[in-house]
């Protein structure tokens, strides 16, 4: 039975984008063992947590990049796209539905022959 720390190291290495082959060599376990671990619900949960941690850590940098691009990018289209994306993510997304309130038009033939 593999040590729990090996499984956790495997989880972290996978979340870092390291190949299964390289993990196998580093941990000294077969790729088949890693495949078996990856099917375990506990392993899957730990992997998801590791990925969410990486995403959470990347958020401040991503926001800084959007702010920088929205104000400093040389290309106007890039500035606009970054500004729109930033506003969308802050909850200022425009309503997709267009509402038109208009009275019906009545056509009257007032020309006399």
PDB file of N, CA and C in Angstrom:
ATOM      1  N   UNK A   1       0.854  -1.192   0.000  1.00  0.00           N
ATOM      2  CA  UNK A   1       0.000   0.000   0.000  1.00  0.00           C
ATOM      3  C   UNK A   1       0.890   1.242   0.000  1.00  0.00           C
ATOM      4  N   UNK A   2       0.545   2.184  -0.828  1.00  0.00           N
ATOM      5  CA  UNK A   2       1.342   3.414  -0.932  1.00  0.00           C
ATOM      6  C   UNK A   2       1.124   4.285   0.296  1.00  0.00           C
ATOM      7  N   UNK A   3       2.176   4.989   0.651  1.00  0.00           N
ATOM      8  CA  UNK A   3       2.059   5.934   1.750  1.00  0.00           C
ATOM      9  C   UNK A   3       1.149   7.074   1.324  1.00  0.00           C
ATOM     10  N   UNK A   4       0.430   7.597   2.274  1.00  0.00           N
ATOM     11  CA  UNK A   4      -0.482   8.703   1.978  1.00  0.00           C
ATOM     12  C   UNK A   4       0.283   9.904   1.448  1.00  0.00           C
ATOM     13  N   UNK A   5       1.506  10.110   1.926  1.00  0.00           N
ATOM     14  CA  UNK A   5       2.285  11.260   1.464  1.00  0.00           C
ATOM     15  C   UNK A   5       2.646  11.127  -0.014  1.00  0.00           C
ATOM     16  N   UNK A   6       2.842   9.888  -0.497  1.00  0.00           N
ATOM     17  CA  UNK A   6       3.114   9.684  -1.931  1.00  0.00           C
ATOM     18  C   UNK A   6       1.918  10.095  -2.763  1.00  0.00           C
ATOM     19  N   UNK A   7       0.731   9.720  -2.303  1.00  0.00           N
ATOM     20  CA  UNK A   7      -0.483  10.105  -3.033  1.00  0.00           C
ATOM     21  C   UNK A   7      -0.641  11.622  -3.044  1.00  0.00           C
ATOM     22  N   UNK A   8      -0.386  12.256  -1.917  1.00  0.00           N
ATOM     23  CA  UNK A   8      -0.512  13.713  -1.841  1.00  0.00           C
ATOM     24  C   UNK A   8       0.523  14.388  -2.741  1.00  0.00           C
ATOM     25  N   UNK A   9       1.744  13.857  -2.749  1.00  0.00           N
ATOM     26  CA  UNK A   9       2.773  14.401  -3.640  1.00  0.00           C
ATOM     27  C   UNK A   9       2.341  14.231  -5.091  1.00  0.00           C
ATOM     28  N   UNK A  10       1.742  13.110  -5.403  1.00  0.00           N
ATOM     29  CA  UNK A  10       1.248  12.856  -6.753  1.00  0.00           C
ATOM     30  C   UNK A  10       0.168  13.874  -7.127  1.00  0.00           C
ATOM     31  N   UNK A  11      -0.757  14.103  -6.206  1.00  0.00           N
ATOM     32  CA  UNK A  11      -1.814  15.103  -6.422  1.00  0.00           C
ATOM     33  C   UNK A  11      -1.200  16.457  -6.742  1.00  0.00           C
ATOM     34  N   UNK A  12      -0.270  16.879  -5.900  1.00  0.00           N
ATOM     35  CA  UNK A  12       0.351  18.196  -6.087  1.00  0.00           C
ATOM     36  C   UNK A  12       1.132  18.294  -7.391  1.00  0.00           C
ATOM     37  N   UNK A  13       1.829  17.220  -7.743  1.00  0.00           N
ATOM     38  CA  UNK A  13       2.600  17.223  -8.981  1.00  0.00           C
ATOM     39  C   UNK A  13       1.683  17.269 -10.200  1.00  0.00           C
ATOM     40  N   UNK A  14       0.588  16.527 -10.153  1.00  0.00           N
ATOM     41  CA  UNK A  14      -0.379  16.577 -11.252  1.00  0.00           C
ATOM     42  C   UNK A  14      -0.962  17.979 -11.391  1.00  0.00           C
ATOM     43  N   UNK A  15      -1.283  18.586 -10.259  1.00  0.00           N
ATOM     44  CA  UNK A  15      -1.836  19.947 -10.278  1.00  0.00           C
ATOM     45  C   UNK A  15      -0.815  20.952 -10.819  1.00  0.00           C
ATOM     46  N   UNK A  16       0.470  20.645 -10.661  1.00  0.00           N
ATOM     47  CA  UNK A  16       1.530  21.507 -11.200  1.00  0.00           C
ATOM     48  C   UNK A  16       1.769  21.264 -12.689  1.00  0.00           C
ATOM     49  N   UNK A  17       1.067  20.282 -13.251  1.00  0.00           N
ATOM     50  CA  UNK A  17       1.199  20.014 -14.681  1.00  0.00           C
ATOM     51  C   UNK A  17       2.312  19.044 -15.029  1.00  0.00           C
ATOM     52  N   UNK A  18       2.826  18.338 -14.041  1.00  0.00           N
ATOM     53  CA  UNK A  18       3.891  17.368 -14.287  1.00  0.00           C
ATOM     54  C   UNK A  18       3.270  16.098 -14.865  1.00  0.00           C
ATOM     55  N   UNK A  19       3.945  15.525 -15.846  1.00  0.00           N
ATOM     56  CA  UNK A  19       3.401  14.344 -16.519  1.00  0.00           C
ATOM     57  C   UNK A  19       3.359  13.144 -15.584  1.00  0.00           C
ATOM     58  N   UNK A  20       2.443  12.257 -15.877  1.00  0.00           N
ATOM     59  CA  UNK A  20       2.285  11.041 -15.086  1.00  0.00           C
ATOM     60  C   UNK A  20       3.563  10.205 -15.159  1.00  0.00           C
ATOM     61  N   UNK A  21       4.203  10.191 -16.313  1.00  0.00           N
ATOM     62  CA  UNK A  21       5.447   9.442 -16.487  1.00  0.00           C
ATOM     63  C   UNK A  21       6.537   9.978 -15.560  1.00  0.00           C
ATOM     64  N   UNK A  22       6.669  11.314 -15.505  1.00  0.00           N
ATOM     65  CA  UNK A  22       7.678  11.925 -14.642  1.00  0.00           C
ATOM     66  C   UNK A  22       7.357  11.683 -13.165  1.00  0.00           C
ATOM     67  N   UNK A  23       6.089  11.769 -12.810  1.00  0.00           N
ATOM     68  CA  UNK A  23       5.671  11.511 -11.424  1.00  0.00           C
ATOM     69  C   UNK A  23       6.033  10.078 -11.043  1.00  0.00           C
ATOM     70  N   UNK A  24       5.786   9.159 -11.958  1.00  0.00           N
ATOM     71  CA  UNK A  24       6.107   7.756 -11.722  1.00  0.00           C
ATOM     72  C   UNK A  24       7.592   7.581 -11.407  1.00  0.00           C
ATOM     73  N   UNK A  25       8.436   8.231 -12.182  1.00  0.00           N
ATOM     74  CA  UNK A  25       9.887   8.132 -11.946  1.00  0.00           C
ATOM     75  C   UNK A  25      10.274   8.779 -10.619  1.00  0.00           C
ATOM     76  N   UNK A  26       9.709   9.950 -10.350  1.00  0.00           N
ATOM     77  CA  UNK A  26      10.060  10.689  -9.131  1.00  0.00           C
ATOM     78  C   UNK A  26       9.642   9.944  -7.874  1.00  0.00           C
ATOM     79  N   UNK A  27       8.434   9.394  -7.879  1.00  0.00           N
ATOM     80  CA  UNK A  27       7.914   8.721  -6.686  1.00  0.00           C
ATOM     81  C   UNK A  27       8.328   7.257  -6.596  1.00  0.00           C
ATOM     82  N   UNK A  28       8.813   6.711  -7.717  1.00  0.00           N
ATOM     83  CA  UNK A  28       9.202   5.302  -7.713  1.00  0.00           C
ATOM     84  C   UNK A  28       8.014   4.363  -7.694  1.00  0.00           C
ATOM     85  N   UNK A  29       6.931   4.784  -8.319  1.00  0.00           N
ATOM     86  CA  UNK A  29       5.747   3.924  -8.443  1.00  0.00           C
ATOM     87  C   UNK A  29       5.424   3.783  -9.929  1.00  0.00           C
ATOM     88  N   UNK A  30       4.666   2.757 -10.264  1.00  0.00           N
ATOM     89  CA  UNK A  30       4.327   2.543 -11.669  1.00  0.00           C
ATOM     90  C   UNK A  30       3.237   3.523 -12.121  1.00  0.00           C
ATOM     91  N   UNK A  31       3.183   3.739 -13.414  1.00  0.00           N
ATOM     92  CA  UNK A  31       2.113   4.580 -13.960  1.00  0.00           C
ATOM     93  C   UNK A  31       0.757   3.925 -13.727  1.00  0.00           C
ATOM     94  N   UNK A  32       0.741   2.611 -13.721  1.00  0.00           N
ATOM     95  CA  UNK A  32      -0.504   1.870 -13.450  1.00  0.00           C
ATOM     96  C   UNK A  32      -1.008   2.189 -12.040  1.00  0.00           C
ATOM     97  N   UNK A  33      -0.085   2.301 -11.085  1.00  0.00           N
ATOM     98  CA  UNK A  33      -0.466   2.651  -9.709  1.00  0.00           C
ATOM     99  C   UNK A  33      -1.073   4.049  -9.682  1.00  0.00           C
ATOM    100  N   UNK A  34      -0.463   4.972 -10.405  1.00  0.00           N
ATOM    101  CA  UNK A  34      -0.990   6.343 -10.457  1.00  0.00           C
ATOM    102  C   UNK A  34      -2.378   6.343 -11.073  1.00  0.00           C
ATOM    103  N   UNK A  35      -2.572   5.559 -12.132  1.00  0.00           N
ATOM    104  CA  UNK A  35      -3.904   5.455 -12.755  1.00  0.00           C
ATOM    105  C   UNK A  35      -4.927   4.938 -11.752  1.00  0.00           C
ATOM    106  N   UNK A  36      -4.534   3.971 -10.942  1.00  0.00           N
ATOM    107  CA  UNK A  36      -5.432   3.419  -9.923  1.00  0.00           C
ATOM    108  C   UNK A  36      -5.760   4.491  -8.878  1.00  0.00           C
ATOM    109  N   UNK A  37      -4.743   5.233  -8.445  1.00  0.00           N
ATOM    110  CA  UNK A  37      -4.973   6.315  -7.486  1.00  0.00           C
ATOM    111  C   UNK A  37      -5.955   7.330  -8.040  1.00  0.00           C
ATOM    112  N   UNK A  38      -5.786   7.677  -9.304  1.00  0.00           N
ATOM    113  CA  UNK A  38      -6.609   8.729  -9.925  1.00  0.00           C
ATOM    114  C   UNK A  38      -8.093   8.366  -9.986  1.00  0.00           C
ATOM    115  N   UNK A  39      -8.417   7.090  -9.865  1.00  0.00           N
ATOM    116  CA  UNK A  39      -9.816   6.646  -9.889  1.00  0.00           C
ATOM    117  C   UNK A  39     -10.484   6.745  -8.523  1.00  0.00           C
ATOM    118  N   UNK A  40      -9.689   6.923  -7.487  1.00  0.00           N
ATOM    119  CA  UNK A  40     -10.205   6.974  -6.128  1.00  0.00           C
ATOM    120  C   UNK A  40     -10.932   8.298  -5.885  1.00  0.00           C
ATOM    121  N   UNK A  41     -12.152   8.262  -5.308  1.00  0.00           N
ATOM    122  CA  UNK A  41     -12.884   9.497  -5.023  1.00  0.00           C
ATOM    123  C   UNK A  41     -12.102  10.464  -4.127  1.00  0.00           C
ATOM    124  N   UNK A  42     -11.359   9.913  -3.157  1.00  0.00           N
ATOM    125  CA  UNK A  42     -10.574  10.776  -2.271  1.00  0.00           C
ATOM    126  C   UNK A  42      -9.472  11.497  -3.048  1.00  0.00           C
ATOM    127  N   UNK A  43      -8.820  10.767  -3.953  1.00  0.00           N
ATOM    128  CA  UNK A  43      -7.757  11.351  -4.770  1.00  0.00           C
ATOM    129  C   UNK A  43      -8.334  12.456  -5.656  1.00  0.00           C
ATOM    130  N   UNK A  44      -9.476  12.174  -6.273  1.00  0.00           N
ATOM    131  CA  UNK A  44     -10.133  13.151  -7.145  1.00  0.00           C
ATOM    132  C   UNK A  44     -10.466  14.414  -6.358  1.00  0.00           C
ATOM    133  N   UNK A  45     -10.996  14.248  -5.143  1.00  0.00           N
ATOM    134  CA  UNK A  45     -11.317  15.413  -4.307  1.00  0.00           C
ATOM    135  C   UNK A  45     -10.067  16.219  -3.969  1.00  0.00           C
ATOM    136  N   UNK A  46      -8.996  15.526  -3.603  1.00  0.00           N
ATOM    137  CA  UNK A  46      -7.739  16.221  -3.277  1.00  0.00           C
ATOM    138  C   UNK A  46      -7.176  16.944  -4.495  1.00  0.00           C
ATOM    139  N   UNK A  47      -7.291  16.325  -5.654  1.00  0.00           N
ATOM    140  CA  UNK A  47      -6.812  16.938  -6.901  1.00  0.00           C
ATOM    141  C   UNK A  47      -7.605  18.217  -7.203  1.00  0.00           C
ATOM    142  N   UNK A  48      -8.916  18.139  -7.051  1.00  0.00           N
ATOM    143  CA  UNK A  48      -9.752  19.326  -7.273  1.00  0.00           C
ATOM    144  C   UNK A  48      -9.381  20.448  -6.310  1.00  0.00           C
ATOM    145  N   UNK A  49      -9.160  20.096  -5.042  1.00  0.00           N
ATOM    146  CA  UNK A  49      -8.745  21.103  -4.056  1.00  0.00           C
ATOM    147  C   UNK A  49      -7.415  21.742  -4.435  1.00  0.00           C
ATOM    148  N   UNK A  50      -6.481  20.922  -4.908  1.00  0.00           N
ATOM    149  CA  UNK A  50      -5.171  21.444  -5.317  1.00  0.00           C
ATOM    150  C   UNK A  50      -5.320  22.394  -6.504  1.00  0.00           C
ATOM    151  N   UNK A  51      -6.154  22.027  -7.472  1.00  0.00           N
ATOM    152  CA  UNK A  51      -6.373  22.897  -8.633  1.00  0.00           C
ATOM    153  C   UNK A  51      -7.040  24.207  -8.223  1.00  0.00           C
ATOM    154  N   UNK A  52      -8.049  24.131  -7.345  1.00  0.00           N
ATOM    155  CA  UNK A  52      -8.725  25.343  -6.886  1.00  0.00           C
ATOM    156  C   UNK A  52      -7.763  26.260  -6.138  1.00  0.00           C
ATOM    157  N   UNK A  53      -6.854  25.658  -5.386  1.00  0.00           N
ATOM    158  CA  UNK A  53      -5.847  26.454  -4.690  1.00  0.00           C
ATOM    159  C   UNK A  53      -4.970  27.210  -5.663  1.00  0.00           C
ATOM    160  N   UNK A  54      -4.584  26.556  -6.744  1.00  0.00           N
ATOM    161  CA  UNK A  54      -3.761  27.215  -7.768  1.00  0.00           C
ATOM    162  C   UNK A  54      -4.543  28.341  -8.439  1.00  0.00           C
ATOM    163  N   UNK A  55      -5.803  28.092  -8.729  1.00  0.00           N
ATOM    164  CA  UNK A  55      -6.637  29.119  -9.362  1.00  0.00           C
ATOM    165  C   UNK A  55      -6.800  30.308  -8.423  1.00  0.00           C
ATOM    166  N   UNK A  56      -7.080  30.028  -7.160  1.00  0.00           N
ATOM    167  CA  UNK A  56      -7.266  31.083  -6.162  1.00  0.00           C
ATOM    168  C   UNK A  56      -6.007  31.940  -6.046  1.00  0.00           C
ATOM    169  N   UNK A  57      -4.851  31.304  -6.098  1.00  0.00           N
ATOM    170  CA  UNK A  57      -3.592  32.043  -6.017  1.00  0.00           C
ATOM    171  C   UNK A  57      -3.319  32.882  -7.261  1.00  0.00           C
ATOM    172  N   UNK A  58      -3.902  32.499  -8.388  1.00  0.00           N
ATOM    173  CA  UNK A  58      -3.671  33.218  -9.645  1.00  0.00           C
ATOM    174  C   UNK A  58      -4.606  34.415  -9.829  1.00  0.00           C
ATOM    175  N   UNK A  59      -5.690  34.477  -9.063  1.00  0.00           N
ATOM    176  CA  UNK A  59      -6.700  35.522  -9.250  1.00  0.00           C
ATOM    177  C   UNK A  59      -6.143  36.947  -9.114  1.00  0.00           C
ATOM    178  N   UNK A  60      -5.396  37.273  -8.068  1.00  0.00           N
ATOM    179  CA  UNK A  60      -4.895  38.650  -7.962  1.00  0.00           C
ATOM    180  C   UNK A  60      -4.047  39.077  -9.172  1.00  0.00           C
ATOM    181  N   UNK A  61      -3.205  38.179  -9.651  1.00  0.00           N
ATOM    182  CA  UNK A  61      -2.390  38.495 -10.822  1.00  0.00           C
ATOM    183  C   UNK A  61      -3.226  38.686 -12.069  1.00  0.00           C
ATOM    184  N   UNK A  62      -4.273  37.874 -12.211  1.00  0.00           N
ATOM    185  CA  UNK A  62      -5.146  37.989 -13.379  1.00  0.00           C
ATOM    186  C   UNK A  62      -5.890  39.324 -13.359  1.00  0.00           C
ATOM    187  N   UNK A  63      -6.357  39.726 -12.195  1.00  0.00           N
ATOM    188  CA  UNK A  63      -7.050  41.013 -12.079  1.00  0.00           C
ATOM    189  C   UNK A  63      -6.091  42.157 -12.373  1.00  0.00           C
ATOM    190  N   UNK A  64      -4.873  42.076 -11.849  1.00  0.00           N
ATOM    191  CA  UNK A  64      -3.869  43.117 -12.126  1.00  0.00           C
ATOM    192  C   UNK A  64      -3.585  43.213 -13.615  1.00  0.00           C
ATOM    193  N   UNK A  65      -3.514  42.066 -14.281  1.00  0.00           N
ATOM    194  CA  UNK A  65      -3.269  42.056 -15.722  1.00  0.00           C
ATOM    195  C   UNK A  65      -4.417  42.733 -16.469  1.00  0.00           C
ATOM    196  N   UNK A  66      -5.651  42.417 -16.084  1.00  0.00           N
ATOM    197  CA  UNK A  66      -6.803  43.050 -16.737  1.00  0.00           C
ATOM    198  C   UNK A  66      -6.797  44.564 -16.523  1.00  0.00           C
ATOM    199  N   UNK A  67      -6.482  44.998 -15.325  1.00  0.00           N
ATOM    200  CA  UNK A  67      -6.429  46.436 -15.045  1.00  0.00           C
ATOM    201  C   UNK A  67      -5.336  47.086 -15.885  1.00  0.00           C
ATOM    202  N   UNK A  68      -4.165  46.456 -15.932  1.00  0.00           N
ATOM    203  CA  UNK A  68      -3.065  46.991 -16.725  1.00  0.00           C
ATOM    204  C   UNK A  68      -3.455  47.085 -18.199  1.00  0.00           C
ATOM    205  N   UNK A  69      -4.012  45.996 -18.739  1.00  0.00           N
ATOM    206  CA  UNK A  69      -4.381  45.988 -20.156  1.00  0.00           C
ATOM    207  C   UNK A  69      -5.473  47.006 -20.462  1.00  0.00           C
ATOM    208  N   UNK A  70      -6.412  47.178 -19.543  1.00  0.00           N
ATOM    209  CA  UNK A  70      -7.514  48.104 -19.804  1.00  0.00           C
ATOM    210  C   UNK A  70      -7.066  49.563 -19.807  1.00  0.00           C
ATOM    211  N   UNK A  71      -5.919  49.841 -19.229  1.00  0.00           N
ATOM    212  CA  UNK A  71      -5.449  51.230 -19.161  1.00  0.00           C
ATOM    213  C   UNK A  71      -4.173  51.492 -19.940  1.00  0.00           C
ATOM    214  N   UNK A  72      -3.329  50.481 -20.113  1.00  0.00           N
ATOM    215  CA  UNK A  72      -2.003  50.712 -20.682  1.00  0.00           C
ATOM    216  C   UNK A  72      -1.733  50.035 -22.026  1.00  0.00           C
ATOM    217  N   UNK A  73      -2.614  49.152 -22.452  1.00  0.00           N
ATOM    218  CA  UNK A  73      -2.361  48.453 -23.718  1.00  0.00           C
ATOM    219  C   UNK A  73      -2.297  49.456 -24.862  1.00  0.00           C
ATOM    220  N   UNK A  74      -1.397  49.212 -25.807  1.00  0.00           N
ATOM    221  CA  UNK A  74      -1.234  50.119 -26.947  1.00  0.00           C
ATOM    222  C   UNK A  74      -2.404  50.018 -27.925  1.00  0.00           C
ATOM    223  N   UNK A  75      -2.959  48.838 -28.036  1.00  0.00           N
ATOM    224  CA  UNK A  75      -4.047  48.601 -28.975  1.00  0.00           C
ATOM    225  C   UNK A  75      -5.387  48.952 -28.333  1.00  0.00           C
ATOM    226  N   UNK A  76      -6.155  49.793 -29.000  1.00  0.00           N
ATOM    227  CA  UNK A  76      -7.448  50.239 -28.463  1.00  0.00           C
ATOM    228  C   UNK A  76      -8.418  49.073 -28.281  1.00  0.00           C
ATOM    229  N   UNK A  77      -8.392  48.121 -29.213  1.00  0.00           N
ATOM    230  CA  UNK A  77      -9.293  46.967 -29.111  1.00  0.00           C
ATOM    231  C   UNK A  77      -8.949  46.126 -27.879  1.00  0.00           C
ATOM    232  N   UNK A  78      -7.661  46.013 -27.576  1.00  0.00           N
ATOM    233  CA  UNK A  78      -7.238  45.268 -26.386  1.00  0.00           C
ATOM    234  C   UNK A  78      -7.693  45.978 -25.123  1.00  0.00           C
ATOM    235  N   UNK A  79      -7.546  47.303 -25.085  1.00  0.00           N
ATOM    236  CA  UNK A  79      -7.990  48.071 -23.910  1.00  0.00           C
ATOM    237  C   UNK A  79      -9.493  47.897 -23.706  1.00  0.00           C
ATOM    238  N   UNK A  80     -10.251  48.005 -24.797  1.00  0.00           N
ATOM    239  CA  UNK A  80     -11.704  47.863 -24.714  1.00  0.00           C
ATOM    240  C   UNK A  80     -12.088  46.467 -24.234  1.00  0.00           C
ATOM    241  N   UNK A  81     -11.477  45.452 -24.818  1.00  0.00           N
ATOM    242  CA  UNK A  81     -11.793  44.069 -24.446  1.00  0.00           C
ATOM    243  C   UNK A  81     -11.475  43.809 -22.969  1.00  0.00           C
ATOM    244  N   UNK A  82     -10.321  44.291 -22.516  1.00  0.00           N
ATOM    245  CA  UNK A  82      -9.933  44.094 -21.114  1.00  0.00           C
ATOM    246  C   UNK A  82     -10.881  44.843 -20.180  1.00  0.00           C
ATOM    247  N   UNK A  83     -11.256  46.061 -20.552  1.00  0.00           N
ATOM    248  CA  UNK A  83     -12.169  46.849 -19.720  1.00  0.00           C
ATOM    249  C   UNK A  83     -13.531  46.162 -19.626  1.00  0.00           C
ATOM    250  N   UNK A  84     -14.044  45.676 -20.759  1.00  0.00           N
ATOM    251  CA  UNK A  84     -15.337  44.986 -20.759  1.00  0.00           C
ATOM    252  C   UNK A  84     -15.276  43.715 -19.910  1.00  0.00           C
ATOM    253  N   UNK A  85     -14.188  42.965 -20.057  1.00  0.00           N
ATOM    254  CA  UNK A  85     -14.038  41.734 -19.292  1.00  0.00           C
ATOM    255  C   UNK A  85     -13.970  42.028 -17.796  1.00  0.00           C
ATOM    256  N   UNK A  86     -13.230  43.045 -17.435  1.00  0.00           N
ATOM    257  CA  UNK A  86     -13.114  43.437 -16.036  1.00  0.00           C
ATOM    258  C   UNK A  86     -14.476  43.839 -15.471  1.00  0.00           C
ATOM    259  N   UNK A  87     -15.213  44.657 -16.199  1.00  0.00           N
ATOM    260  CA  UNK A  87     -16.546  45.077 -15.752  1.00  0.00           C
ATOM    261  C   UNK A  87     -17.507  43.898 -15.655  1.00  0.00           C
ATOM    262  N   UNK A  88     -17.448  43.006 -16.639  1.00  0.00           N
ATOM    263  CA  UNK A  88     -18.301  41.806 -16.613  1.00  0.00           C
ATOM    264  C   UNK A  88     -18.050  40.999 -15.343  1.00  0.00           C
ATOM    265  N   UNK A  89     -16.788  40.807 -15.010  1.00  0.00           N
ATOM    266  CA  UNK A  89     -16.430  39.984 -13.861  1.00  0.00           C
ATOM    267  C   UNK A  89     -16.761  40.661 -12.534  1.00  0.00           C
ATOM    268  N   UNK A  90     -16.908  41.972 -12.559  1.00  0.00           N
ATOM    269  CA  UNK A  90     -17.289  42.697 -11.348  1.00  0.00           C
ATOM    270  C   UNK A  90     -18.808  42.821 -11.211  1.00  0.00           C
ATOM    271  N   UNK A  91     -19.535  42.224 -12.158  1.00  0.00           N
ATOM    272  CA  UNK A  91     -20.988  42.211 -12.068  1.00  0.00           C
ATOM    273  C   UNK A  91     -21.687  43.315 -12.833  1.00  0.00           C
ATOM    274  N   UNK A  92     -20.957  44.026 -13.681  1.00  0.00           N
ATOM    275  CA  UNK A  92     -21.561  45.106 -14.462  1.00  0.00           C
ATOM    276  C   UNK A  92     -21.840  44.684 -15.899  1.00  0.00           C
ATOM    277  N   UNK A  93     -22.160  43.414 -16.071  1.00  0.00           N
ATOM    278  CA  UNK A  93     -22.435  42.901 -17.405  1.00  0.00           C
ATOM    279  C   UNK A  93     -23.755  43.488 -17.906  1.00  0.00           C
ATOM    280  N   UNK A  94     -23.762  43.983 -19.147  1.00  0.00           N
ATOM    281  CA  UNK A  94     -25.001  44.575 -19.662  1.00  0.00           C
ATOM    282  C   UNK A  94     -26.072  43.508 -19.875  1.00  0.00           C
ATOM    283  N   UNK A  95     -27.305  43.944 -19.801  1.00  0.00           N
ATOM    284  CA  UNK A  95     -28.438  43.060 -20.033  1.00  0.00           C
ATOM    285  C   UNK A  95     -28.451  42.657 -21.498  1.00  0.00           C
ATOM    286  N   UNK A  96     -28.559  41.365 -21.753  1.00  0.00           N
ATOM    287  CA  UNK A  96     -28.540  40.854 -23.121  1.00  0.00           C
ATOM    288  C   UNK A  96     -29.874  41.099 -23.845  1.00  0.00           C
ATOM    289  N   UNK A  97     -30.928  41.326 -23.074  1.00  0.00           N
ATOM    290  CA  UNK A  97     -32.253  41.500 -23.668  1.00  0.00           C
ATOM    291  C   UNK A  97     -32.518  42.969 -23.960  1.00  0.00           C
ATOM    292  N   UNK A  98     -33.013  43.213 -25.144  1.00  0.00           N
ATOM    293  CA  UNK A  98     -33.383  44.574 -25.517  1.00  0.00           C
ATOM    294  C   UNK A  98     -34.894  44.686 -25.362  1.00  0.00           C
ATOM    295  N   UNK A  99     -35.313  45.668 -24.577  1.00  0.00           N
ATOM    296  CA  UNK A  99     -36.739  45.862 -24.346  1.00  0.00           C
ATOM    297  C   UNK A  99     -37.188  47.094 -25.114  1.00  0.00           C
ATOM    298  N   UNK A 100     -38.186  46.892 -25.926  1.00  0.00           N
ATOM    299  CA  UNK A 100     -38.708  47.999 -26.726  1.00  0.00           C
ATOM    300  C   UNK A 100     -40.161  48.218 -26.329  1.00  0.00           C
ATOM    301  N   UNK A 101     -40.445  49.421 -25.870  1.00  0.00           N
ATOM    302  CA  UNK A 101     -41.818  49.786 -25.549  1.00  0.00           C
ATOM    303  C   UNK A 101     -42.287  50.755 -26.623  1.00  0.00           C
ATOM    304  N   UNK A 102     -43.185  50.277 -27.456  1.00  0.00           N
ATOM    305  CA  UNK A 102     -43.607  51.093 -28.573  1.00  0.00           C
ATOM    306  C   UNK A 102     -45.088  50.854 -28.833  1.00  0.00           C
ATOM    307  N   UNK A 103     -45.791  51.927 -29.064  1.00  0.00           N
ATOM    308  CA  UNK A 103     -47.205  51.817 -29.406  1.00  0.00           C
ATOM    309  C   UNK A 103     -47.319  51.327 -30.860  1.00  0.00           C
ATOM    310  N   UNK A 104     -48.365  50.587 -31.149  1.00  0.00           N
ATOM    311  CA  UNK A 104     -48.540  50.135 -32.533  1.00  0.00           C
ATOM    312  C   UNK A 104     -48.743  51.329 -33.464  1.00  0.00           C
ATOM    313  N   UNK A 105     -48.237  51.194 -34.644  1.00  0.00           N
ATOM    314  CA  UNK A 105     -48.367  52.253 -35.646  1.00  0.00           C
ATOM    315  C   UNK A 105     -49.608  51.965 -36.475  1.00  0.00           C
ATOM    316  N   UNK A 106     -50.459  52.981 -36.596  1.00  0.00           N
ATOM    317  CA  UNK A 106     -51.659  52.843 -37.407  1.00  0.00           C
ATOM    318  C   UNK A 106     -51.427  53.623 -38.696  1.00  0.00           C
ATOM    319  N   UNK A 107     -51.571  52.938 -39.805  1.00  0.00           N
ATOM    320  CA  UNK A 107     -51.398  53.600 -41.096  1.00  0.00           C
ATOM    321  C   UNK A 107     -52.766  54.028 -41.605  1.00  0.00           C
ATOM    322  N   UNK A 108     -52.855  55.281 -41.853  1.00  0.00           N
ATOM    323  CA  UNK A 108     -54.114  55.846 -42.309  1.00  0.00           C
ATOM    324  C   UNK A 108     -53.927  56.350 -43.727  1.00  0.00           C
ATOM    325  N   UNK A 109     -54.816  55.943 -44.579  1.00  0.00           N
ATOM    326  CA  UNK A 109     -54.759  56.425 -45.956  1.00  0.00           C
ATOM    327  C   UNK A 109     -55.633  57.673 -46.010  1.00  0.00           C
ATOM    328  N   UNK A 110     -55.004  58.813 -45.915  1.00  0.00           N
ATOM    329  CA  UNK A 110     -55.779  60.057 -45.925  1.00  0.00           C
ATOM    330  C   UNK A 110     -55.666  60.770 -47.267  1.00  0.00           C
ATOM    331  N   UNK A 111     -55.164  60.083 -48.242  1.00  0.00           N
ATOM    332  CA  UNK A 111     -55.124  60.667 -49.574  1.00  0.00           C
ATOM    333  C   UNK A 111     -56.451  60.394 -50.282  1.00  0.00           C
ATOM    334  N   UNK A 112     -56.996  61.411 -50.844  1.00  0.00           N
ATOM    335  CA  UNK A 112     -58.259  61.231 -51.536  1.00  0.00           C
ATOM    336  C   UNK A 112     -57.996  61.183 -53.040  1.00  0.00           C
ATOM    337  N   UNK A 113     -58.686  60.350 -53.673  1.00  0.00           N
ATOM    338  CA  UNK A 113     -58.500  60.207 -55.107  1.00  0.00           C
ATOM    339  C   UNK A 113     -59.429  61.103 -55.881  1.00  0.00           C
TER     340      UNK A 113
END
